[in-house]
Each structure stands twice: as C-alpha cells, then as structure tokens.
Amino acid sequence: MSTNHESVELVGDQVVGNLARAALFAALTGVFAYVSFQLPVSSVPFTLQVLGVFLAGAFLGPVWGFAAMALYVVAGAVGVPVYAYGGSGLGQLFGQWGGYLWSYPLAAAVVGYAAHGAGGLRDLDAISLPRLVAGMAVATVLIYAFGTVFFAYVGNVGLVEAALTAAVPFVPAELLKMGATLAAVRADDITAA
C-alpha cells in the first residue's frame, strides 16, 4: 500500500523564508558584536549589536524581528561566540552586560511595530521615517533601561552611577546607528539619486 505525500506541506515557503531571514539578521548581529572595544569611561563595551536590532525590526517587522533577536540571544547562550568580544554562554546573559542582551528581542519588536504596524510587512518605501525614528528611540530607551538595571544590580552600584557608566556615553553612537538604519531602509532612494 502506498501513500501519496505530494500534497502534504509540512512548513510553508513563507515560514521557511522568514526563518532564513531571521537567521540572517541574527548572524549579522553576531558579526556586529565583533566590533567591540572599551570606552575609557565605561566597562561596558561599545559594539554595533544595536544596529543589528534596529535592522532586524525595520526589515523583518515585529514578529520576525523579535524572532531574529531571540535566535541571536539563544545562539549565544548555548555557546555560539556571537556576543561582544566573541563571548558566549549563560554567564554572559546573567553578567553585568546581560540586560542589553535580554532587551534585544523586545527592542526589535518595538522597531518592527513602529515600521510596519501589527499587520504584514509594508514596502520599505511606505515606512514613515519619523515613526521609524520614534520606534528606534523607544527601543534605545528600552535597551538602556534593561542594560542599566542589570549593570546596577550585578555591579552593586546605584542606578545613577550605572546610567552614567552604562548608558549615557553610548547615546551619540546610537544616533549614528539610527542614521545607518534609515540609510539602509531608504537605500533605493539613495542609489536612485
């Protein structure tokens, strides 16, 4: 007795494509983590990871942006060297910098929601740039809130000291990352000019 399996679709092409894109943005964020260096005023490393968070949200939307960053966090937690300085492991998630990592899926979802809303993905040309900037600003506040609280708790320092060490020195760089995201979203406009 034979069974016809041709009509059975286990996973739709759209899901496979979205998973592939999520994995790509998770990997890109891991590559961005290798751009890591210490600022003289902070023990928190400067990295380009937040650029990966912004891009994942802007290009994948809230659900798949969240999924991409969740995949990134899980990959690092199980030992793939994708965190700052090539770090990995659960110790990183519960260390002084762990709050930043925990915030990335939520921050990507915020950016994705600002760019695309709750429905499907919009055409990149249809994304409202002021709304995208607002979404990235809210995501940045979220990232630094998580990061500052973790930094304060694990480092046993006050919130003001933690904010001055773990957030304030990085704000100008976040503005540049927002600009890079806007340029990526509007790359067609730039190349057509």
N, C-alpha and C. Protein backbone atom coordinates (compact mmCIF):
# COMPACT_ATOMS: atom_id res chain seq x y z
N MET A 1 0.84 -1.17 0.00
CA MET A 1 0.00 0.00 0.00
C MET A 1 0.89 1.23 0.00
N SER A 2 0.65 2.12 -0.91
CA SER A 2 1.46 3.34 -0.98
C SER A 2 0.62 4.54 -0.57
N THR A 3 1.30 5.51 -0.07
CA THR A 3 0.64 6.74 0.36
C THR A 3 1.19 7.90 -0.44
N ASN A 4 0.32 8.75 -0.89
CA ASN A 4 0.73 9.92 -1.66
C ASN A 4 1.08 11.05 -0.69
N HIS A 5 2.32 11.50 -0.73
CA HIS A 5 2.79 12.57 0.16
C HIS A 5 2.98 13.89 -0.57
N GLU A 6 2.69 13.93 -1.84
CA GLU A 6 2.96 15.13 -2.62
C GLU A 6 2.14 16.33 -2.19
N SER A 7 0.95 16.12 -1.68
CA SER A 7 0.09 17.24 -1.32
C SER A 7 0.30 17.73 0.11
N VAL A 8 1.17 17.09 0.86
CA VAL A 8 1.40 17.48 2.25
C VAL A 8 2.52 18.52 2.31
N GLU A 9 2.19 19.66 2.86
CA GLU A 9 3.18 20.72 3.02
C GLU A 9 3.42 20.88 4.52
N LEU A 10 4.58 20.45 4.99
CA LEU A 10 4.87 20.48 6.42
C LEU A 10 5.08 21.90 6.91
N VAL A 11 5.85 22.67 6.17
CA VAL A 11 6.13 24.05 6.53
C VAL A 11 6.00 24.87 5.26
N GLY A 12 5.26 25.96 5.34
CA GLY A 12 5.05 26.79 4.17
C GLY A 12 6.31 27.52 3.75
N ASP A 13 6.36 27.86 2.47
CA ASP A 13 7.51 28.59 1.94
C ASP A 13 7.71 29.92 2.64
N GLN A 14 6.63 30.58 3.01
CA GLN A 14 6.74 31.88 3.67
C GLN A 14 7.42 31.72 5.03
N VAL A 15 7.07 30.69 5.78
CA VAL A 15 7.68 30.45 7.08
C VAL A 15 9.17 30.15 6.92
N VAL A 16 9.49 29.33 5.94
CA VAL A 16 10.90 28.99 5.69
C VAL A 16 11.68 30.24 5.33
N GLY A 17 11.10 31.07 4.47
CA GLY A 17 11.77 32.33 4.09
C GLY A 17 11.96 33.24 5.28
N ASN A 18 10.94 33.36 6.13
CA ASN A 18 11.05 34.21 7.32
C ASN A 18 12.08 33.67 8.30
N LEU A 19 12.12 32.35 8.47
CA LEU A 19 13.14 31.76 9.34
C LEU A 19 14.55 32.02 8.81
N ALA A 20 14.70 31.92 7.50
CA ALA A 20 16.01 32.18 6.90
C ALA A 20 16.42 33.64 7.10
N ARG A 21 15.48 34.56 6.91
CA ARG A 21 15.79 35.97 7.12
C ARG A 21 16.09 36.25 8.60
N ALA A 22 15.35 35.63 9.50
CA ALA A 22 15.61 35.81 10.93
C ALA A 22 17.01 35.30 11.28
N ALA A 23 17.37 34.15 10.73
CA ALA A 23 18.71 33.61 10.98
C ALA A 23 19.79 34.53 10.41
N LEU A 24 19.51 35.11 9.25
CA LEU A 24 20.47 36.04 8.64
C LEU A 24 20.68 37.26 9.53
N PHE A 25 19.61 37.84 10.05
CA PHE A 25 19.76 39.02 10.91
C PHE A 25 20.37 38.65 12.26
N ALA A 26 20.10 37.46 12.76
CA ALA A 26 20.76 37.01 13.99
C ALA A 26 22.26 36.89 13.75
N ALA A 27 22.64 36.32 12.61
CA ALA A 27 24.06 36.18 12.28
C ALA A 27 24.70 37.55 12.07
N LEU A 28 24.00 38.45 11.41
CA LEU A 28 24.52 39.80 11.20
C LEU A 28 24.78 40.50 12.53
N THR A 29 23.87 40.34 13.47
CA THR A 29 24.06 40.94 14.80
C THR A 29 25.27 40.32 15.48
N GLY A 30 25.47 39.03 15.29
CA GLY A 30 26.66 38.37 15.84
C GLY A 30 27.93 38.92 15.23
N VAL A 31 27.91 39.20 13.94
CA VAL A 31 29.08 39.81 13.29
C VAL A 31 29.31 41.21 13.85
N PHE A 32 28.21 41.97 14.01
CA PHE A 32 28.32 43.32 14.58
C PHE A 32 28.91 43.30 15.99
N ALA A 33 28.69 42.23 16.73
CA ALA A 33 29.22 42.13 18.09
C ALA A 33 30.74 42.07 18.10
N TYR A 34 31.32 41.64 16.99
CA TYR A 34 32.78 41.57 16.93
C TYR A 34 33.42 42.94 16.80
N VAL A 35 32.63 43.94 16.46
CA VAL A 35 33.12 45.32 16.51
C VAL A 35 32.92 45.74 17.96
N SER A 36 33.88 45.40 18.81
CA SER A 36 33.79 45.63 20.26
C SER A 36 35.06 46.30 20.74
N PHE A 37 34.88 47.36 21.49
CA PHE A 37 36.03 47.98 22.14
C PHE A 37 35.56 48.72 23.39
N GLN A 38 36.49 48.93 24.29
CA GLN A 38 36.21 49.60 25.55
C GLN A 38 36.32 51.11 25.38
N LEU A 39 35.37 51.81 25.94
CA LEU A 39 35.49 53.26 26.07
C LEU A 39 36.21 53.54 27.38
N PRO A 40 36.99 54.60 27.46
CA PRO A 40 37.72 54.86 28.70
C PRO A 40 36.81 55.16 29.90
N VAL A 41 35.56 55.53 29.65
CA VAL A 41 34.67 55.93 30.74
C VAL A 41 33.72 54.82 31.18
N SER A 42 33.82 53.63 30.59
CA SER A 42 32.87 52.58 30.91
C SER A 42 33.49 51.20 30.79
N SER A 43 32.99 50.28 31.63
CA SER A 43 33.42 48.88 31.50
C SER A 43 32.53 48.12 30.52
N VAL A 44 31.47 48.76 30.05
CA VAL A 44 30.59 48.16 29.06
C VAL A 44 31.22 48.38 27.69
N PRO A 45 31.32 47.34 26.88
CA PRO A 45 31.95 47.53 25.57
C PRO A 45 31.04 48.25 24.59
N PHE A 46 31.65 49.02 23.73
CA PHE A 46 30.93 49.59 22.60
C PHE A 46 30.88 48.50 21.53
N THR A 47 29.69 48.26 20.98
CA THR A 47 29.54 47.30 19.88
C THR A 47 28.54 47.86 18.87
N LEU A 48 28.40 47.17 17.77
CA LEU A 48 27.40 47.53 16.77
C LEU A 48 26.15 46.65 16.86
N GLN A 49 26.00 45.89 17.94
CA GLN A 49 24.86 44.98 18.07
C GLN A 49 23.52 45.68 17.92
N VAL A 50 23.39 46.87 18.49
CA VAL A 50 22.11 47.57 18.43
C VAL A 50 21.74 47.91 16.98
N LEU A 51 22.72 48.11 16.13
CA LEU A 51 22.43 48.30 14.71
C LEU A 51 21.73 47.06 14.15
N GLY A 52 22.17 45.89 14.55
CA GLY A 52 21.50 44.65 14.14
C GLY A 52 20.08 44.58 14.65
N VAL A 53 19.85 45.04 15.87
CA VAL A 53 18.50 45.07 16.44
C VAL A 53 17.60 45.98 15.61
N PHE A 54 18.09 47.19 15.33
CA PHE A 54 17.32 48.15 14.53
C PHE A 54 17.00 47.59 13.15
N LEU A 55 18.00 47.02 12.49
CA LEU A 55 17.80 46.50 11.14
C LEU A 55 16.82 45.33 11.13
N ALA A 56 16.94 44.44 12.11
CA ALA A 56 16.03 43.29 12.18
C ALA A 56 14.59 43.76 12.31
N GLY A 57 14.34 44.73 13.18
CA GLY A 57 12.99 45.24 13.34
C GLY A 57 12.49 45.93 12.09
N ALA A 58 13.34 46.76 11.49
CA ALA A 58 12.93 47.53 10.31
C ALA A 58 12.65 46.63 9.11
N PHE A 59 13.45 45.61 8.91
CA PHE A 59 13.30 44.77 7.72
C PHE A 59 12.39 43.57 7.93
N LEU A 60 12.28 43.08 9.17
CA LEU A 60 11.51 41.86 9.40
C LEU A 60 10.17 42.08 10.07
N GLY A 61 9.95 43.25 10.64
CA GLY A 61 8.70 43.52 11.34
C GLY A 61 8.76 43.05 12.78
N PRO A 62 7.67 43.25 13.52
CA PRO A 62 7.71 42.97 14.96
C PRO A 62 7.88 41.49 15.31
N VAL A 63 7.19 40.61 14.62
CA VAL A 63 7.24 39.19 14.98
C VAL A 63 8.58 38.56 14.60
N TRP A 64 8.97 38.73 13.36
CA TRP A 64 10.21 38.10 12.91
C TRP A 64 11.45 38.85 13.37
N GLY A 65 11.32 40.16 13.63
CA GLY A 65 12.43 40.89 14.25
C GLY A 65 12.68 40.35 15.65
N PHE A 66 11.59 40.15 16.41
CA PHE A 66 11.69 39.54 17.73
C PHE A 66 12.34 38.16 17.62
N ALA A 67 11.86 37.36 16.66
CA ALA A 67 12.39 36.00 16.49
C ALA A 67 13.87 36.01 16.15
N ALA A 68 14.29 36.94 15.31
CA ALA A 68 15.70 37.02 14.93
C ALA A 68 16.58 37.31 16.14
N MET A 69 16.14 38.26 16.96
CA MET A 69 16.96 38.60 18.13
C MET A 69 16.87 37.53 19.22
N ALA A 70 15.73 36.85 19.32
CA ALA A 70 15.63 35.72 20.25
C ALA A 70 16.58 34.61 19.82
N LEU A 71 16.64 34.36 18.52
CA LEU A 71 17.58 33.37 17.99
C LEU A 71 19.02 33.78 18.29
N TYR A 72 19.31 35.04 18.13
CA TYR A 72 20.66 35.56 18.44
C TYR A 72 21.01 35.31 19.91
N VAL A 73 20.09 35.68 20.81
CA VAL A 73 20.34 35.52 22.25
C VAL A 73 20.51 34.04 22.60
N VAL A 74 19.65 33.19 22.06
CA VAL A 74 19.73 31.75 22.35
C VAL A 74 21.02 31.16 21.79
N ALA A 75 21.40 31.57 20.58
CA ALA A 75 22.65 31.05 19.99
C ALA A 75 23.84 31.37 20.89
N GLY A 76 23.90 32.60 21.36
CA GLY A 76 25.00 32.97 22.26
C GLY A 76 24.93 32.22 23.58
N ALA A 77 23.74 32.02 24.10
CA ALA A 77 23.57 31.34 25.38
C ALA A 77 24.04 29.90 25.33
N VAL A 78 23.86 29.23 24.17
CA VAL A 78 24.25 27.82 24.06
C VAL A 78 25.70 27.65 23.61
N GLY A 79 26.41 28.75 23.43
CA GLY A 79 27.84 28.63 23.17
C GLY A 79 28.36 29.15 21.86
N VAL A 80 27.51 29.64 20.99
CA VAL A 80 27.99 30.22 19.73
C VAL A 80 28.61 31.58 20.07
N PRO A 81 29.84 31.83 19.68
CA PRO A 81 30.53 33.07 20.09
C PRO A 81 30.03 34.31 19.34
N VAL A 82 28.84 34.79 19.69
CA VAL A 82 28.22 35.90 18.98
C VAL A 82 28.01 37.14 19.84
N TYR A 83 28.46 37.12 21.08
CA TYR A 83 28.33 38.29 21.93
C TYR A 83 29.60 39.14 21.82
N ALA A 84 29.61 40.26 22.51
CA ALA A 84 30.76 41.17 22.45
C ALA A 84 32.06 40.42 22.72
N TYR A 85 33.08 40.77 21.98
CA TYR A 85 34.41 40.15 22.08
C TYR A 85 34.38 38.66 21.76
N GLY A 86 33.37 38.18 21.08
CA GLY A 86 33.26 36.76 20.77
C GLY A 86 32.83 35.93 21.96
N GLY A 87 32.19 36.55 22.94
CA GLY A 87 31.74 35.84 24.13
C GLY A 87 30.49 35.02 23.87
N SER A 88 30.21 34.12 24.79
CA SER A 88 29.01 33.29 24.71
C SER A 88 28.75 32.68 26.08
N GLY A 89 27.63 32.00 26.20
CA GLY A 89 27.30 31.27 27.42
C GLY A 89 26.30 31.98 28.30
N LEU A 90 25.70 31.22 29.19
CA LEU A 90 24.70 31.76 30.11
C LEU A 90 25.28 32.81 31.04
N GLY A 91 26.57 32.70 31.35
CA GLY A 91 27.21 33.69 32.21
C GLY A 91 27.12 35.09 31.63
N GLN A 92 27.16 35.18 30.31
CA GLN A 92 27.03 36.48 29.66
C GLN A 92 25.62 37.06 29.86
N LEU A 93 24.61 36.20 29.82
CA LEU A 93 23.23 36.66 29.98
C LEU A 93 22.94 37.13 31.40
N PHE A 94 23.66 36.60 32.35
CA PHE A 94 23.42 36.97 33.74
C PHE A 94 24.55 37.81 34.32
N GLY A 95 25.45 38.26 33.45
CA GLY A 95 26.55 39.12 33.87
C GLY A 95 26.16 40.59 33.78
N GLN A 96 27.14 41.43 33.97
CA GLN A 96 26.90 42.87 34.03
C GLN A 96 26.35 43.45 32.74
N TRP A 97 26.59 42.80 31.60
CA TRP A 97 26.10 43.30 30.32
C TRP A 97 24.84 42.57 29.87
N GLY A 98 24.38 41.63 30.66
CA GLY A 98 23.27 40.77 30.25
C GLY A 98 21.97 41.49 29.96
N GLY A 99 21.70 42.58 30.63
CA GLY A 99 20.46 43.30 30.42
C GLY A 99 20.30 43.78 28.99
N TYR A 100 21.39 44.17 28.38
CA TYR A 100 21.32 44.60 26.98
C TYR A 100 20.84 43.43 26.11
N LEU A 101 21.45 42.27 26.32
CA LEU A 101 21.11 41.10 25.51
C LEU A 101 19.64 40.71 25.69
N TRP A 102 19.15 40.70 26.92
CA TRP A 102 17.76 40.34 27.18
C TRP A 102 16.79 41.29 26.48
N SER A 103 17.20 42.54 26.31
CA SER A 103 16.29 43.53 25.73
C SER A 103 16.19 43.46 24.22
N TYR A 104 17.15 42.84 23.56
CA TYR A 104 17.20 42.90 22.10
C TYR A 104 15.94 42.37 21.40
N PRO A 105 15.37 41.23 21.79
CA PRO A 105 14.15 40.79 21.10
C PRO A 105 12.99 41.79 21.24
N LEU A 106 12.82 42.31 22.44
CA LEU A 106 11.74 43.29 22.66
C LEU A 106 11.99 44.57 21.87
N ALA A 107 13.24 45.02 21.86
CA ALA A 107 13.58 46.25 21.14
C ALA A 107 13.36 46.08 19.63
N ALA A 108 13.71 44.93 19.09
CA ALA A 108 13.49 44.68 17.66
C ALA A 108 12.00 44.67 17.36
N ALA A 109 11.20 44.11 18.26
CA ALA A 109 9.75 44.10 18.07
C ALA A 109 9.19 45.53 18.08
N VAL A 110 9.71 46.37 18.95
CA VAL A 110 9.27 47.77 19.01
C VAL A 110 9.58 48.48 17.69
N VAL A 111 10.80 48.31 17.20
CA VAL A 111 11.18 48.93 15.92
C VAL A 111 10.31 48.37 14.80
N GLY A 112 10.11 47.07 14.79
CA GLY A 112 9.27 46.45 13.76
C GLY A 112 7.84 46.93 13.79
N TYR A 113 7.30 47.10 14.99
CA TYR A 113 5.93 47.61 15.11
C TYR A 113 5.86 49.06 14.62
N ALA A 114 6.84 49.86 14.98
CA ALA A 114 6.85 51.26 14.53
C ALA A 114 6.94 51.34 13.01
N ALA A 115 7.72 50.45 12.41
CA ALA A 115 7.92 50.49 10.96
C ALA A 115 6.74 49.91 10.19
N HIS A 116 6.17 48.82 10.70
CA HIS A 116 5.19 48.07 9.91
C HIS A 116 3.82 47.95 10.54
N GLY A 117 3.67 48.30 11.80
CA GLY A 117 2.40 48.10 12.48
C GLY A 117 2.22 46.63 12.84
N ALA A 118 1.01 46.28 13.20
CA ALA A 118 0.75 44.91 13.65
C ALA A 118 0.45 43.95 12.50
N GLY A 119 0.17 44.48 11.31
CA GLY A 119 -0.16 43.63 10.17
C GLY A 119 1.10 43.09 9.51
N GLY A 120 0.99 42.84 8.24
CA GLY A 120 2.12 42.33 7.48
C GLY A 120 3.17 43.41 7.21
N LEU A 121 4.22 43.00 6.55
CA LEU A 121 5.30 43.93 6.25
C LEU A 121 4.87 44.94 5.20
N ARG A 122 5.23 46.18 5.42
CA ARG A 122 5.00 47.23 4.43
C ARG A 122 6.18 47.27 3.49
N ASP A 123 5.95 47.83 2.33
CA ASP A 123 7.04 48.13 1.42
C ASP A 123 7.95 49.13 2.13
N LEU A 124 9.27 48.97 2.00
CA LEU A 124 10.20 49.85 2.69
C LEU A 124 9.96 51.32 2.34
N ASP A 125 9.53 51.61 1.11
CA ASP A 125 9.25 52.99 0.73
C ASP A 125 8.03 53.55 1.46
N ALA A 126 7.17 52.69 1.97
CA ALA A 126 5.96 53.14 2.65
C ALA A 126 6.17 53.36 4.15
N ILE A 127 7.35 53.00 4.64
CA ILE A 127 7.62 53.16 6.07
C ILE A 127 7.78 54.65 6.37
N SER A 128 7.06 55.12 7.35
CA SER A 128 7.17 56.51 7.80
C SER A 128 8.48 56.67 8.56
N LEU A 129 9.36 57.51 8.03
CA LEU A 129 10.66 57.69 8.69
C LEU A 129 10.54 58.31 10.09
N PRO A 130 9.67 59.31 10.29
CA PRO A 130 9.52 59.81 11.67
C PRO A 130 9.04 58.73 12.64
N ARG A 131 8.14 57.88 12.17
CA ARG A 131 7.66 56.79 13.02
C ARG A 131 8.78 55.78 13.30
N LEU A 132 9.58 55.49 12.29
CA LEU A 132 10.72 54.58 12.47
C LEU A 132 11.72 55.16 13.46
N VAL A 133 12.01 56.45 13.33
CA VAL A 133 12.94 57.11 14.27
C VAL A 133 12.37 57.03 15.69
N ALA A 134 11.08 57.30 15.83
CA ALA A 134 10.45 57.21 17.15
C ALA A 134 10.55 55.78 17.70
N GLY A 135 10.33 54.79 16.85
CA GLY A 135 10.46 53.40 17.28
C GLY A 135 11.87 53.06 17.73
N MET A 136 12.86 53.55 16.99
CA MET A 136 14.25 53.29 17.38
C MET A 136 14.60 54.02 18.67
N ALA A 137 14.03 55.22 18.87
CA ALA A 137 14.27 55.95 20.12
C ALA A 137 13.68 55.19 21.31
N VAL A 138 12.45 54.68 21.15
CA VAL A 138 11.83 53.90 22.23
C VAL A 138 12.63 52.62 22.47
N ALA A 139 13.07 51.98 21.40
CA ALA A 139 13.88 50.76 21.53
C ALA A 139 15.18 51.05 22.26
N THR A 140 15.80 52.18 21.96
CA THR A 140 17.04 52.56 22.63
C THR A 140 16.81 52.76 24.13
N VAL A 141 15.72 53.43 24.47
CA VAL A 141 15.38 53.62 25.89
C VAL A 141 15.18 52.26 26.56
N LEU A 142 14.49 51.36 25.88
CA LEU A 142 14.26 50.02 26.41
C LEU A 142 15.59 49.28 26.63
N ILE A 143 16.44 49.31 25.63
CA ILE A 143 17.74 48.64 25.72
C ILE A 143 18.56 49.19 26.89
N TYR A 144 18.62 50.51 27.00
CA TYR A 144 19.43 51.09 28.06
C TYR A 144 18.77 50.97 29.43
N ALA A 145 17.45 50.88 29.48
CA ALA A 145 16.79 50.63 30.77
C ALA A 145 17.17 49.24 31.28
N PHE A 146 17.02 48.22 30.42
CA PHE A 146 17.41 46.86 30.81
C PHE A 146 18.90 46.82 31.15
N GLY A 147 19.71 47.40 30.28
CA GLY A 147 21.16 47.37 30.48
C GLY A 147 21.59 48.05 31.76
N THR A 148 21.00 49.21 32.05
CA THR A 148 21.37 49.97 33.24
C THR A 148 20.95 49.24 34.51
N VAL A 149 19.75 48.69 34.51
CA VAL A 149 19.27 47.98 35.71
C VAL A 149 20.14 46.75 35.97
N PHE A 150 20.44 45.97 34.94
CA PHE A 150 21.31 44.80 35.12
C PHE A 150 22.69 45.23 35.60
N PHE A 151 23.23 46.26 34.96
CA PHE A 151 24.56 46.75 35.33
C PHE A 151 24.57 47.16 36.79
N ALA A 152 23.54 47.88 37.24
CA ALA A 152 23.47 48.32 38.63
C ALA A 152 23.35 47.14 39.58
N TYR A 153 22.47 46.20 39.24
CA TYR A 153 22.23 45.06 40.12
C TYR A 153 23.46 44.16 40.23
N VAL A 154 23.99 43.76 39.09
CA VAL A 154 25.13 42.83 39.11
C VAL A 154 26.39 43.51 39.64
N GLY A 155 26.57 44.78 39.29
CA GLY A 155 27.76 45.51 39.74
C GLY A 155 27.62 46.13 41.11
N ASN A 156 26.42 45.99 41.72
CA ASN A 156 26.15 46.54 43.04
C ASN A 156 26.48 48.03 43.11
N VAL A 157 25.95 48.77 42.13
CA VAL A 157 26.11 50.23 42.10
C VAL A 157 24.72 50.86 42.00
N GLY A 158 24.65 52.15 42.28
CA GLY A 158 23.38 52.85 42.19
C GLY A 158 22.95 53.05 40.74
N LEU A 159 21.66 53.31 40.55
CA LEU A 159 21.13 53.48 39.19
C LEU A 159 21.72 54.70 38.49
N VAL A 160 21.95 55.78 39.22
CA VAL A 160 22.52 56.98 38.59
C VAL A 160 23.94 56.69 38.10
N GLU A 161 24.74 56.07 38.95
CA GLU A 161 26.10 55.71 38.55
C GLU A 161 26.07 54.73 37.38
N ALA A 162 25.16 53.78 37.44
CA ALA A 162 25.04 52.81 36.34
C ALA A 162 24.65 53.50 35.04
N ALA A 163 23.71 54.43 35.10
CA ALA A 163 23.29 55.15 33.88
C ALA A 163 24.43 55.97 33.32
N LEU A 164 25.19 56.62 34.19
CA LEU A 164 26.31 57.45 33.73
C LEU A 164 27.44 56.60 33.14
N THR A 165 27.52 55.36 33.57
CA THR A 165 28.58 54.47 33.08
C THR A 165 28.11 53.61 31.91
N ALA A 166 26.89 53.09 31.99
CA ALA A 166 26.44 52.07 31.05
C ALA A 166 25.49 52.56 29.98
N ALA A 167 25.07 53.82 30.03
CA ALA A 167 24.12 54.31 29.03
C ALA A 167 24.55 55.63 28.39
N VAL A 168 24.75 56.65 29.20
CA VAL A 168 24.99 58.00 28.68
C VAL A 168 26.16 58.07 27.68
N PRO A 169 27.30 57.42 27.93
CA PRO A 169 28.41 57.54 26.97
C PRO A 169 28.11 56.97 25.58
N PHE A 170 27.07 56.14 25.48
CA PHE A 170 26.78 55.44 24.24
C PHE A 170 25.71 56.11 23.38
N VAL A 171 25.03 57.10 23.92
CA VAL A 171 23.92 57.72 23.21
C VAL A 171 24.33 58.31 21.85
N PRO A 172 25.45 59.04 21.76
CA PRO A 172 25.82 59.57 20.43
C PRO A 172 26.00 58.47 19.38
N ALA A 173 26.54 57.33 19.78
CA ALA A 173 26.72 56.22 18.84
C ALA A 173 25.36 55.66 18.41
N GLU A 174 24.40 55.65 19.31
CA GLU A 174 23.06 55.15 18.95
C GLU A 174 22.43 56.04 17.88
N LEU A 175 22.68 57.33 17.95
CA LEU A 175 22.17 58.24 16.92
C LEU A 175 22.77 57.90 15.55
N LEU A 176 24.05 57.55 15.54
CA LEU A 176 24.68 57.14 14.27
C LEU A 176 24.09 55.82 13.76
N LYS A 177 23.81 54.90 14.67
CA LYS A 177 23.20 53.62 14.28
C LYS A 177 21.79 53.84 13.73
N MET A 178 21.08 54.79 14.31
CA MET A 178 19.75 55.13 13.77
C MET A 178 19.89 55.68 12.36
N GLY A 179 20.87 56.54 12.16
CA GLY A 179 21.11 57.09 10.82
C GLY A 179 21.47 56.01 9.82
N ALA A 180 22.28 55.05 10.24
CA ALA A 180 22.66 53.94 9.35
C ALA A 180 21.44 53.10 9.00
N THR A 181 20.55 52.89 9.96
CA THR A 181 19.33 52.13 9.70
C THR A 181 18.44 52.86 8.71
N LEU A 182 18.28 54.17 8.91
CA LEU A 182 17.48 54.96 7.97
C LEU A 182 18.06 54.89 6.56
N ALA A 183 19.38 54.95 6.46
CA ALA A 183 20.03 54.86 5.15
C ALA A 183 19.79 53.49 4.52
N ALA A 184 19.82 52.43 5.33
CA ALA A 184 19.58 51.09 4.81
C ALA A 184 18.13 50.93 4.33
N VAL A 185 17.20 51.48 5.10
CA VAL A 185 15.79 51.39 4.73
C VAL A 185 15.51 52.15 3.44
N ARG A 186 16.19 53.26 3.26
CA ARG A 186 15.98 54.10 2.08
C ARG A 186 17.12 53.95 1.07
N ALA A 187 17.78 52.81 1.05
CA ALA A 187 18.91 52.59 0.14
C ALA A 187 18.51 52.77 -1.32
N ASP A 188 17.31 52.35 -1.68
CA ASP A 188 16.85 52.53 -3.07
C ASP A 188 16.79 54.00 -3.45
N ASP A 189 16.32 54.84 -2.50
CA ASP A 189 16.24 56.27 -2.75
C ASP A 189 17.63 56.86 -2.94
N ILE A 190 18.58 56.39 -2.16
CA ILE A 190 19.94 56.92 -2.22
C ILE A 190 20.61 56.51 -3.53
N THR A 191 20.46 55.23 -3.91
CA THR A 191 21.12 54.77 -5.13
C THR A 191 20.47 55.32 -6.38
N ALA A 192 19.18 55.67 -6.31
CA ALA A 192 18.50 56.21 -7.48
C ALA A 192 18.86 57.68 -7.71
N ALA A 193 19.33 58.34 -6.68
CA ALA A 193 19.64 59.79 -6.78
C ALA A 193 20.89 60.05 -7.57
